[in-house]
Amino acid sequence: VVSTQSTVSSGINAEYGGSQWGDEGKGKVVDLLAGEMDVVARCQGGNNAGHTVVVGDTHYDFHLLPSGIVYSHVKCVVGNGVVLHIPSLFEEIDKNKKEKD
């Protein structure tokens, strides 16, 4: 489900959500849209699933972080519906920083 809505500030809000549990390609769609957004938010779920984002020769592995984080201009938000396992979050951050460097 993708919906867009004009805002008063003449910007566009886009929302994408899946209607099923499991792999239905949500991450790929978010990856395709993220570069055009100002904010990308992860609103629910845990670290049991994830996806890989490839930028050039760099492979990022995301389970908790929003994949929009690969774009320097995008602000990423982890919402209160995400089941956050703190050690896994820090491990994911460290791993993806090493991939970038």
C-alpha atoms as a PDB file:
ATOM      1  CA  VAL A   1       0.000   0.000   0.000  1.00  0.00           C
ATOM      2  CA  VAL A   2       1.518   3.310  -1.065  1.00  0.00           C
ATOM      3  CA  SER A   3      -0.312   6.554  -0.507  1.00  0.00           C
ATOM      4  CA  THR A   4       0.708  10.135  -1.140  1.00  0.00           C
ATOM      5  CA  GLN A   5      -0.815  13.313   0.147  1.00  0.00           C
ATOM      6  CA  SER A   6      -0.062  16.971  -0.558  1.00  0.00           C
ATOM      7  CA  THR A   7       0.747  19.050   2.486  1.00  0.00           C
ATOM      8  CA  VAL A   8       0.198  22.730   3.232  1.00  0.00           C
ATOM      9  CA  SER A   9       3.915  23.429   2.761  1.00  0.00           C
ATOM     10  CA  SER A  10       3.625  22.129  -0.842  1.00  0.00           C
ATOM     11  CA  GLY A  11       5.607  19.020   0.022  1.00  0.00           C
ATOM     12  CA  ILE A  12       4.555  15.431  -0.435  1.00  0.00           C
ATOM     13  CA  ASN A  13       3.998  12.850   2.277  1.00  0.00           C
ATOM     14  CA  ALA A  14       4.408   9.234   1.221  1.00  0.00           C
ATOM     15  CA  GLU A  15       3.474   6.252   3.325  1.00  0.00           C
ATOM     16  CA  TYR A  16       4.266   2.641   2.531  1.00  0.00           C
ATOM     17  CA  GLY A  17       3.095  -0.317   4.550  1.00  0.00           C
ATOM     18  CA  GLY A  18       2.633  -3.992   3.950  1.00  0.00           C
ATOM     19  CA  SER A  19      -0.511  -5.976   4.507  1.00  0.00           C
ATOM     20  CA  GLN A  20       1.199  -9.299   5.224  1.00  0.00           C
ATOM     21  CA  TRP A  21       3.714 -10.715   7.641  1.00  0.00           C
ATOM     22  CA  GLY A  22       7.011 -11.747   6.150  1.00  0.00           C
ATOM     23  CA  ASP A  23       8.885 -10.998   2.992  1.00  0.00           C
ATOM     24  CA  GLU A  24       6.702  -9.091   0.578  1.00  0.00           C
ATOM     25  CA  GLY A  25       9.312  -6.639  -0.657  1.00  0.00           C
ATOM     26  CA  LYS A  26       8.588  -3.728   1.712  1.00  0.00           C
ATOM     27  CA  GLY A  27      12.281  -2.974   2.173  1.00  0.00           C
ATOM     28  CA  LYS A  28      12.954  -2.805  -1.553  1.00  0.00           C
ATOM     29  CA  VAL A  29      10.138  -0.308  -2.105  1.00  0.00           C
ATOM     30  CA  VAL A  30      11.354   1.846   0.796  1.00  0.00           C
ATOM     31  CA  ASP A  31      14.882   1.730  -0.659  1.00  0.00           C
ATOM     32  CA  LEU A  32      13.566   2.962  -4.004  1.00  0.00           C
ATOM     33  CA  LEU A  33      11.620   5.847  -2.422  1.00  0.00           C
ATOM     34  CA  ALA A  34      14.046   6.847   0.348  1.00  0.00           C
ATOM     35  CA  GLY A  35      16.430   8.924  -1.751  1.00  0.00           C
ATOM     36  CA  GLU A  36      13.623  11.368  -2.550  1.00  0.00           C
ATOM     37  CA  MET A  37      12.461  11.747   1.057  1.00  0.00           C
ATOM     38  CA  ASP A  38      13.480  14.005   3.937  1.00  0.00           C
ATOM     39  CA  VAL A  39      12.530  11.509   6.662  1.00  0.00           C
ATOM     40  CA  VAL A  40      12.338   7.707   6.665  1.00  0.00           C
ATOM     41  CA  ALA A  41      10.777   6.000   9.703  1.00  0.00           C
ATOM     42  CA  ARG A  42      10.652   2.417  10.872  1.00  0.00           C
ATOM     43  CA  CYS A  43       7.411   2.116  12.814  1.00  0.00           C
ATOM     44  CA  GLN A  44       7.065  -1.500  13.934  1.00  0.00           C
ATOM     45  CA  GLY A  45       8.662  -4.924  14.037  1.00  0.00           C
ATOM     46  CA  GLY A  46      11.834  -6.356  15.477  1.00  0.00           C
ATOM     47  CA  ASN A  47      15.242  -7.518  14.337  1.00  0.00           C
ATOM     48  CA  ASN A  48      14.166 -11.001  13.272  1.00  0.00           C
ATOM     49  CA  ALA A  49      13.939 -10.013   9.593  1.00  0.00           C
ATOM     50  CA  GLY A  50      15.942  -7.640   7.504  1.00  0.00           C
ATOM     51  CA  HIS A  51      17.311  -6.806   4.118  1.00  0.00           C
ATOM     52  CA  THR A  52      20.514  -5.854   2.376  1.00  0.00           C
ATOM     53  CA  VAL A  53      21.013  -2.552   0.595  1.00  0.00           C
ATOM     54  CA  VAL A  54      23.822  -2.338  -1.951  1.00  0.00           C
ATOM     55  CA  VAL A  55      25.272   1.088  -2.747  1.00  0.00           C
ATOM     56  CA  GLY A  56      28.140   0.792  -5.206  1.00  0.00           C
ATOM     57  CA  ASP A  57      30.438  -1.860  -3.737  1.00  0.00           C
ATOM     58  CA  THR A  58      29.119  -1.422  -0.190  1.00  0.00           C
ATOM     59  CA  HIS A  59      26.631  -3.916   1.264  1.00  0.00           C
ATOM     60  CA  TYR A  60      24.567  -2.678   4.221  1.00  0.00           C
ATOM     61  CA  ASP A  61      22.611  -5.144   6.362  1.00  0.00           C
ATOM     62  CA  PHE A  62      19.535  -3.681   8.068  1.00  0.00           C
ATOM     63  CA  HIS A  63      17.354  -5.292  10.732  1.00  0.00           C
ATOM     64  CA  LEU A  64      16.385  -2.360  12.972  1.00  0.00           C
ATOM     65  CA  LEU A  65      17.647   0.813  11.288  1.00  0.00           C
ATOM     66  CA  PRO A  66      15.592   2.400   8.506  1.00  0.00           C
ATOM     67  CA  SER A  67      17.345   1.797   5.185  1.00  0.00           C
ATOM     68  CA  GLY A  68      17.082   5.497   4.323  1.00  0.00           C
ATOM     69  CA  ILE A  69      20.100   5.997   6.553  1.00  0.00           C
ATOM     70  CA  VAL A  70      22.371   5.356   3.547  1.00  0.00           C
ATOM     71  CA  TYR A  71      21.371   8.812   2.244  1.00  0.00           C
ATOM     72  CA  SER A  72      23.154  11.648   4.036  1.00  0.00           C
ATOM     73  CA  HIS A  73      20.235  14.079   3.626  1.00  0.00           C
ATOM     74  CA  VAL A  74      17.603  11.705   5.076  1.00  0.00           C
ATOM     75  CA  LYS A  75      16.663  11.889   8.744  1.00  0.00           C
ATOM     76  CA  CYS A  76      15.902   8.392  10.054  1.00  0.00           C
ATOM     77  CA  VAL A  77      13.534   7.642  12.898  1.00  0.00           C
ATOM     78  CA  VAL A  78      12.955   4.431  14.846  1.00  0.00           C
ATOM     79  CA  GLY A  79       9.411   4.590  16.192  1.00  0.00           C
ATOM     80  CA  ASN A  80       7.964   3.356  19.455  1.00  0.00           C
ATOM     81  CA  GLY A  81       6.358   0.322  17.756  1.00  0.00           C
ATOM     82  CA  VAL A  82       9.761  -1.219  17.028  1.00  0.00           C
ATOM     83  CA  VAL A  83      10.825  -4.013  19.370  1.00  0.00           C
ATOM     84  CA  LEU A  84      14.274  -2.670  20.106  1.00  0.00           C
ATOM     85  CA  HIS A  85      16.974  -5.037  21.327  1.00  0.00           C
ATOM     86  CA  ILE A  86      19.652  -2.544  22.364  1.00  0.00           C
ATOM     87  CA  PRO A  87      22.718  -4.820  21.918  1.00  0.00           C
ATOM     88  CA  SER A  88      21.515  -5.737  18.409  1.00  0.00           C
ATOM     89  CA  LEU A  89      20.965  -2.076  17.545  1.00  0.00           C
ATOM     90  CA  PHE A  90      24.519  -1.113  18.519  1.00  0.00           C
ATOM     91  CA  GLU A  91      25.900  -4.169  16.710  1.00  0.00           C
ATOM     92  CA  GLU A  92      24.016  -3.170  13.552  1.00  0.00           C
ATOM     93  CA  ILE A  93      25.251   0.421  13.790  1.00  0.00           C
ATOM     94  CA  ASP A  94      28.872  -0.699  14.251  1.00  0.00           C
ATOM     95  CA  LYS A  95      28.703  -3.246  11.432  1.00  0.00           C
ATOM     96  CA  ASN A  96      27.238  -0.777   8.947  1.00  0.00           C
ATOM     97  CA  LYS A  97      29.734   1.951   9.934  1.00  0.00           C
ATOM     98  CA  LYS A  98      32.575  -0.484   9.188  1.00  0.00           C
ATOM     99  CA  GLU A  99      31.026  -1.297   5.807  1.00  0.00           C
ATOM    100  CA  LYS A 100      30.865   2.411   4.956  1.00  0.00           C
ATOM    101  CA  ASP A 101      34.504   3.063   5.957  1.00  0.00           C
END
